[in-house]
Amino acid sequence: MNTLNDLVKYQDASIVSHSILKNKAGNVTLFAFAKNEGLSEHTAPFEALIQVVDGMADITISGKMHRIRNGEFIILPANLPHSVHAPENFKMVLTMIKS
């Protein structure tokens, strides 16, 4: 049996993703961010849940930065600008609910 950490490996200067589940109701995707990688500010039309499964990340929502660590989670509200930065290697599960 695999763990979430086993499904994606870190790659230097990259963000690696692995789709776990995808259907009309939403999707679940596992990401591995190399140190200093990130996603620039953007919005999404649906709520999402980020769960950190390794390391830590800085998640900024509407200009407010939140540092979340292994085992913690944060909700991204729909239509609010957010970004992700990896001050160190980290892995997260992103669950987006569309309905």
N, C-alpha and C. Protein backbone atom coordinates (compact mmCIF):
# COMPACT_ATOMS: atom_id res chain seq x y z
N MET A 1 0.85 -1.18 0.00
CA MET A 1 0.00 0.00 0.00
C MET A 1 0.89 1.24 0.00
N ASN A 2 0.55 2.21 -0.82
CA ASN A 2 1.30 3.46 -0.89
C ASN A 2 0.75 4.50 0.07
N THR A 3 1.61 5.42 0.46
CA THR A 3 1.17 6.59 1.21
C THR A 3 1.14 7.76 0.23
N LEU A 4 0.52 8.87 0.64
CA LEU A 4 0.50 10.05 -0.22
C LEU A 4 1.92 10.50 -0.56
N ASN A 5 2.83 10.44 0.40
CA ASN A 5 4.22 10.86 0.15
C ASN A 5 4.89 10.00 -0.92
N ASP A 6 4.45 8.77 -1.08
CA ASP A 6 5.06 7.88 -2.07
C ASP A 6 4.59 8.16 -3.50
N LEU A 7 3.46 8.83 -3.66
CA LEU A 7 2.86 8.99 -4.99
C LEU A 7 3.56 10.02 -5.87
N VAL A 8 4.21 11.01 -5.27
CA VAL A 8 4.98 11.99 -6.05
C VAL A 8 6.34 12.19 -5.40
N LYS A 9 7.34 12.42 -6.23
CA LYS A 9 8.70 12.66 -5.76
C LYS A 9 9.08 14.10 -6.06
N TYR A 10 9.94 14.64 -5.24
CA TYR A 10 10.46 15.98 -5.48
C TYR A 10 11.37 15.98 -6.70
N GLN A 11 11.32 17.05 -7.48
CA GLN A 11 12.23 17.27 -8.60
C GLN A 11 12.77 18.68 -8.47
N ASP A 12 14.08 18.85 -8.61
CA ASP A 12 14.72 20.15 -8.46
C ASP A 12 14.03 21.20 -9.33
N ALA A 13 13.80 22.37 -8.74
CA ALA A 13 13.26 23.54 -9.44
C ALA A 13 11.94 23.24 -10.16
N SER A 14 11.11 22.36 -9.59
CA SER A 14 9.88 21.96 -10.26
C SER A 14 8.72 21.80 -9.28
N ILE A 15 7.53 21.79 -9.87
CA ILE A 15 6.32 21.39 -9.16
C ILE A 15 5.79 20.16 -9.88
N VAL A 16 5.61 19.08 -9.15
CA VAL A 16 5.15 17.82 -9.73
C VAL A 16 3.74 17.56 -9.19
N SER A 17 2.84 17.11 -10.06
CA SER A 17 1.48 16.81 -9.60
C SER A 17 1.06 15.40 -10.01
N HIS A 18 0.13 14.87 -9.24
CA HIS A 18 -0.42 13.54 -9.51
C HIS A 18 -1.91 13.60 -9.20
N SER A 19 -2.75 13.36 -10.19
CA SER A 19 -4.19 13.37 -10.00
C SER A 19 -4.61 12.08 -9.30
N ILE A 20 -5.31 12.24 -8.19
CA ILE A 20 -5.79 11.09 -7.42
C ILE A 20 -7.24 10.76 -7.81
N LEU A 21 -8.04 11.81 -8.00
CA LEU A 21 -9.46 11.64 -8.31
C LEU A 21 -9.92 12.86 -9.10
N LYS A 22 -10.69 12.62 -10.15
CA LYS A 22 -11.22 13.72 -10.94
C LYS A 22 -12.58 13.31 -11.50
N ASN A 23 -13.60 14.12 -11.16
CA ASN A 23 -14.93 13.89 -11.74
C ASN A 23 -15.70 15.21 -11.74
N LYS A 24 -16.96 15.18 -12.15
CA LYS A 24 -17.72 16.43 -12.30
C LYS A 24 -17.94 17.15 -10.98
N ALA A 25 -17.86 16.46 -9.85
CA ALA A 25 -18.07 17.08 -8.55
C ALA A 25 -16.82 17.77 -8.02
N GLY A 26 -15.65 17.42 -8.57
CA GLY A 26 -14.41 18.04 -8.09
C GLY A 26 -13.21 17.17 -8.39
N ASN A 27 -12.09 17.53 -7.78
CA ASN A 27 -10.88 16.73 -7.98
C ASN A 27 -9.99 16.79 -6.76
N VAL A 28 -9.12 15.79 -6.68
CA VAL A 28 -8.12 15.68 -5.62
C VAL A 28 -6.78 15.48 -6.31
N THR A 29 -5.84 16.38 -6.03
CA THR A 29 -4.54 16.33 -6.68
C THR A 29 -3.44 16.46 -5.63
N LEU A 30 -2.42 15.64 -5.77
CA LEU A 30 -1.25 15.69 -4.90
C LEU A 30 -0.15 16.45 -5.62
N PHE A 31 0.48 17.40 -4.92
CA PHE A 31 1.56 18.21 -5.48
C PHE A 31 2.82 18.06 -4.64
N ALA A 32 3.98 18.08 -5.31
CA ALA A 32 5.28 18.16 -4.65
C ALA A 32 5.98 19.42 -5.17
N PHE A 33 6.24 20.36 -4.30
CA PHE A 33 6.90 21.61 -4.65
C PHE A 33 8.36 21.57 -4.20
N ALA A 34 9.28 21.82 -5.10
CA ALA A 34 10.68 21.95 -4.72
C ALA A 34 10.85 23.27 -3.96
N LYS A 35 11.88 23.34 -3.15
CA LYS A 35 12.19 24.55 -2.39
C LYS A 35 12.20 25.77 -3.30
N ASN A 36 11.54 26.84 -2.84
CA ASN A 36 11.45 28.14 -3.52
C ASN A 36 10.55 28.14 -4.76
N GLU A 37 9.83 27.07 -5.01
CA GLU A 37 8.85 27.06 -6.10
C GLU A 37 7.50 27.54 -5.56
N GLY A 38 6.58 27.83 -6.44
CA GLY A 38 5.27 28.26 -5.99
C GLY A 38 4.30 28.50 -7.12
N LEU A 39 3.11 28.90 -6.75
CA LEU A 39 2.07 29.27 -7.70
C LEU A 39 1.77 30.75 -7.47
N SER A 40 1.84 31.53 -8.53
CA SER A 40 1.58 32.96 -8.40
C SER A 40 0.11 33.21 -8.07
N GLU A 41 -0.17 34.42 -7.65
CA GLU A 41 -1.52 34.77 -7.23
C GLU A 41 -2.53 34.53 -8.35
N HIS A 42 -3.63 33.89 -7.99
CA HIS A 42 -4.69 33.59 -8.93
C HIS A 42 -5.99 33.39 -8.14
N THR A 43 -7.10 33.24 -8.85
CA THR A 43 -8.37 32.93 -8.21
C THR A 43 -8.93 31.65 -8.82
N ALA A 44 -9.87 31.07 -8.12
CA ALA A 44 -10.57 29.88 -8.61
C ALA A 44 -12.05 30.05 -8.29
N PRO A 45 -12.92 29.57 -9.15
CA PRO A 45 -14.36 29.77 -8.93
C PRO A 45 -14.97 28.84 -7.88
N PHE A 46 -14.16 27.95 -7.30
CA PHE A 46 -14.66 26.97 -6.33
C PHE A 46 -13.81 26.99 -5.07
N GLU A 47 -14.42 26.60 -3.95
CA GLU A 47 -13.67 26.43 -2.72
C GLU A 47 -12.68 25.29 -2.90
N ALA A 48 -11.58 25.36 -2.14
CA ALA A 48 -10.60 24.29 -2.17
C ALA A 48 -10.01 24.11 -0.77
N LEU A 49 -9.51 22.92 -0.54
CA LEU A 49 -8.87 22.57 0.72
C LEU A 49 -7.45 22.14 0.43
N ILE A 50 -6.49 22.75 1.11
CA ILE A 50 -5.08 22.35 1.02
C ILE A 50 -4.72 21.64 2.30
N GLN A 51 -4.16 20.42 2.18
CA GLN A 51 -3.65 19.66 3.32
C GLN A 51 -2.17 19.41 3.07
N VAL A 52 -1.32 19.84 4.01
CA VAL A 52 0.11 19.62 3.87
C VAL A 52 0.44 18.22 4.38
N VAL A 53 1.14 17.45 3.53
CA VAL A 53 1.51 16.08 3.92
C VAL A 53 3.02 15.92 4.12
N ASP A 54 3.79 16.98 3.80
CA ASP A 54 5.23 16.96 4.06
C ASP A 54 5.75 18.39 4.00
N GLY A 55 6.58 18.77 4.95
CA GLY A 55 7.19 20.09 4.94
C GLY A 55 6.23 21.19 5.36
N MET A 56 6.45 22.38 4.80
CA MET A 56 5.59 23.53 5.12
C MET A 56 5.49 24.44 3.92
N ALA A 57 4.47 25.32 3.95
CA ALA A 57 4.24 26.24 2.85
C ALA A 57 3.69 27.55 3.37
N ASP A 58 3.91 28.60 2.59
CA ASP A 58 3.29 29.89 2.85
C ASP A 58 2.15 30.06 1.86
N ILE A 59 0.94 30.14 2.37
CA ILE A 59 -0.26 30.32 1.56
C ILE A 59 -0.77 31.72 1.83
N THR A 60 -0.88 32.52 0.78
CA THR A 60 -1.39 33.88 0.93
C THR A 60 -2.79 33.93 0.34
N ILE A 61 -3.74 34.44 1.15
CA ILE A 61 -5.13 34.58 0.72
C ILE A 61 -5.52 36.04 0.93
N SER A 62 -5.90 36.69 -0.15
CA SER A 62 -6.29 38.11 -0.10
C SER A 62 -5.26 38.96 0.64
N GLY A 63 -3.98 38.71 0.37
CA GLY A 63 -2.91 39.50 0.95
C GLY A 63 -2.45 39.08 2.33
N LYS A 64 -3.11 38.11 2.97
CA LYS A 64 -2.71 37.65 4.30
C LYS A 64 -2.00 36.31 4.19
N MET A 65 -0.75 36.27 4.70
CA MET A 65 0.06 35.05 4.61
C MET A 65 -0.22 34.12 5.80
N HIS A 66 -0.32 32.83 5.48
CA HIS A 66 -0.53 31.78 6.48
C HIS A 66 0.56 30.74 6.27
N ARG A 67 1.31 30.41 7.29
CA ARG A 67 2.30 29.34 7.21
C ARG A 67 1.64 28.06 7.73
N ILE A 68 1.57 27.05 6.86
CA ILE A 68 0.98 25.78 7.29
C ILE A 68 2.02 24.68 7.17
N ARG A 69 1.95 23.76 8.10
CA ARG A 69 2.97 22.71 8.22
C ARG A 69 2.34 21.33 8.07
N ASN A 70 3.23 20.35 7.99
CA ASN A 70 2.82 18.95 7.87
C ASN A 70 1.68 18.63 8.84
N GLY A 71 0.59 18.09 8.30
CA GLY A 71 -0.56 17.71 9.12
C GLY A 71 -1.62 18.80 9.25
N GLU A 72 -1.30 20.03 8.80
CA GLU A 72 -2.25 21.12 8.90
C GLU A 72 -2.96 21.34 7.57
N PHE A 73 -4.06 22.11 7.62
CA PHE A 73 -4.81 22.39 6.40
C PHE A 73 -5.31 23.82 6.42
N ILE A 74 -5.73 24.30 5.25
CA ILE A 74 -6.32 25.62 5.11
C ILE A 74 -7.35 25.56 3.99
N ILE A 75 -8.41 26.35 4.14
CA ILE A 75 -9.45 26.43 3.12
C ILE A 75 -9.22 27.67 2.27
N LEU A 76 -9.28 27.49 0.96
CA LEU A 76 -9.20 28.60 0.02
C LEU A 76 -10.62 28.95 -0.42
N PRO A 77 -11.12 30.11 -0.01
CA PRO A 77 -12.48 30.49 -0.43
C PRO A 77 -12.55 30.73 -1.94
N ALA A 78 -13.69 30.48 -2.50
CA ALA A 78 -13.90 30.72 -3.93
C ALA A 78 -13.74 32.20 -4.25
N ASN A 79 -13.16 32.47 -5.40
CA ASN A 79 -13.06 33.82 -5.97
C ASN A 79 -12.17 34.79 -5.21
N LEU A 80 -11.41 34.35 -4.22
CA LEU A 80 -10.46 35.22 -3.53
C LEU A 80 -9.05 34.92 -4.05
N PRO A 81 -8.24 35.97 -4.26
CA PRO A 81 -6.89 35.73 -4.76
C PRO A 81 -6.04 34.99 -3.73
N HIS A 82 -5.27 34.03 -4.23
CA HIS A 82 -4.39 33.25 -3.35
C HIS A 82 -3.14 32.84 -4.11
N SER A 83 -2.09 32.54 -3.35
CA SER A 83 -0.83 32.07 -3.93
C SER A 83 -0.20 31.07 -2.98
N VAL A 84 0.78 30.32 -3.51
CA VAL A 84 1.47 29.30 -2.73
C VAL A 84 2.97 29.50 -2.93
N HIS A 85 3.72 29.47 -1.83
CA HIS A 85 5.18 29.53 -1.90
C HIS A 85 5.77 28.46 -1.00
N ALA A 86 6.81 27.80 -1.50
CA ALA A 86 7.48 26.73 -0.76
C ALA A 86 8.84 27.21 -0.25
N PRO A 87 8.94 27.63 1.03
CA PRO A 87 10.24 28.02 1.56
C PRO A 87 11.18 26.82 1.73
N GLU A 88 10.60 25.62 1.67
CA GLU A 88 11.35 24.37 1.68
C GLU A 88 10.53 23.37 0.86
N ASN A 89 11.10 22.21 0.57
CA ASN A 89 10.32 21.19 -0.13
C ASN A 89 9.03 20.92 0.65
N PHE A 90 7.93 20.83 -0.07
CA PHE A 90 6.70 20.44 0.61
C PHE A 90 5.75 19.76 -0.36
N LYS A 91 4.87 18.95 0.22
CA LYS A 91 3.84 18.25 -0.54
C LYS A 91 2.48 18.60 0.03
N MET A 92 1.50 18.73 -0.87
CA MET A 92 0.14 19.05 -0.43
C MET A 92 -0.87 18.28 -1.26
N VAL A 93 -2.00 18.05 -0.64
CA VAL A 93 -3.17 17.53 -1.34
C VAL A 93 -4.12 18.70 -1.52
N LEU A 94 -4.53 18.93 -2.76
CA LEU A 94 -5.51 19.96 -3.09
C LEU A 94 -6.82 19.29 -3.44
N THR A 95 -7.87 19.59 -2.66
CA THR A 95 -9.20 19.06 -2.93
C THR A 95 -10.08 20.22 -3.35
N MET A 96 -10.59 20.17 -4.57
CA MET A 96 -11.46 21.22 -5.08
C MET A 96 -12.86 20.64 -5.26
N ILE A 97 -13.83 21.31 -4.66
CA ILE A 97 -15.22 20.88 -4.75
C ILE A 97 -15.94 21.80 -5.72
N LYS A 98 -16.55 21.23 -6.75
CA LYS A 98 -17.21 22.03 -7.78
C LYS A 98 -18.72 22.11 -7.61
N SER A 99 -19.29 21.29 -6.75
CA SER A 99 -20.74 21.34 -6.56
C SER A 99 -21.10 21.15 -5.11
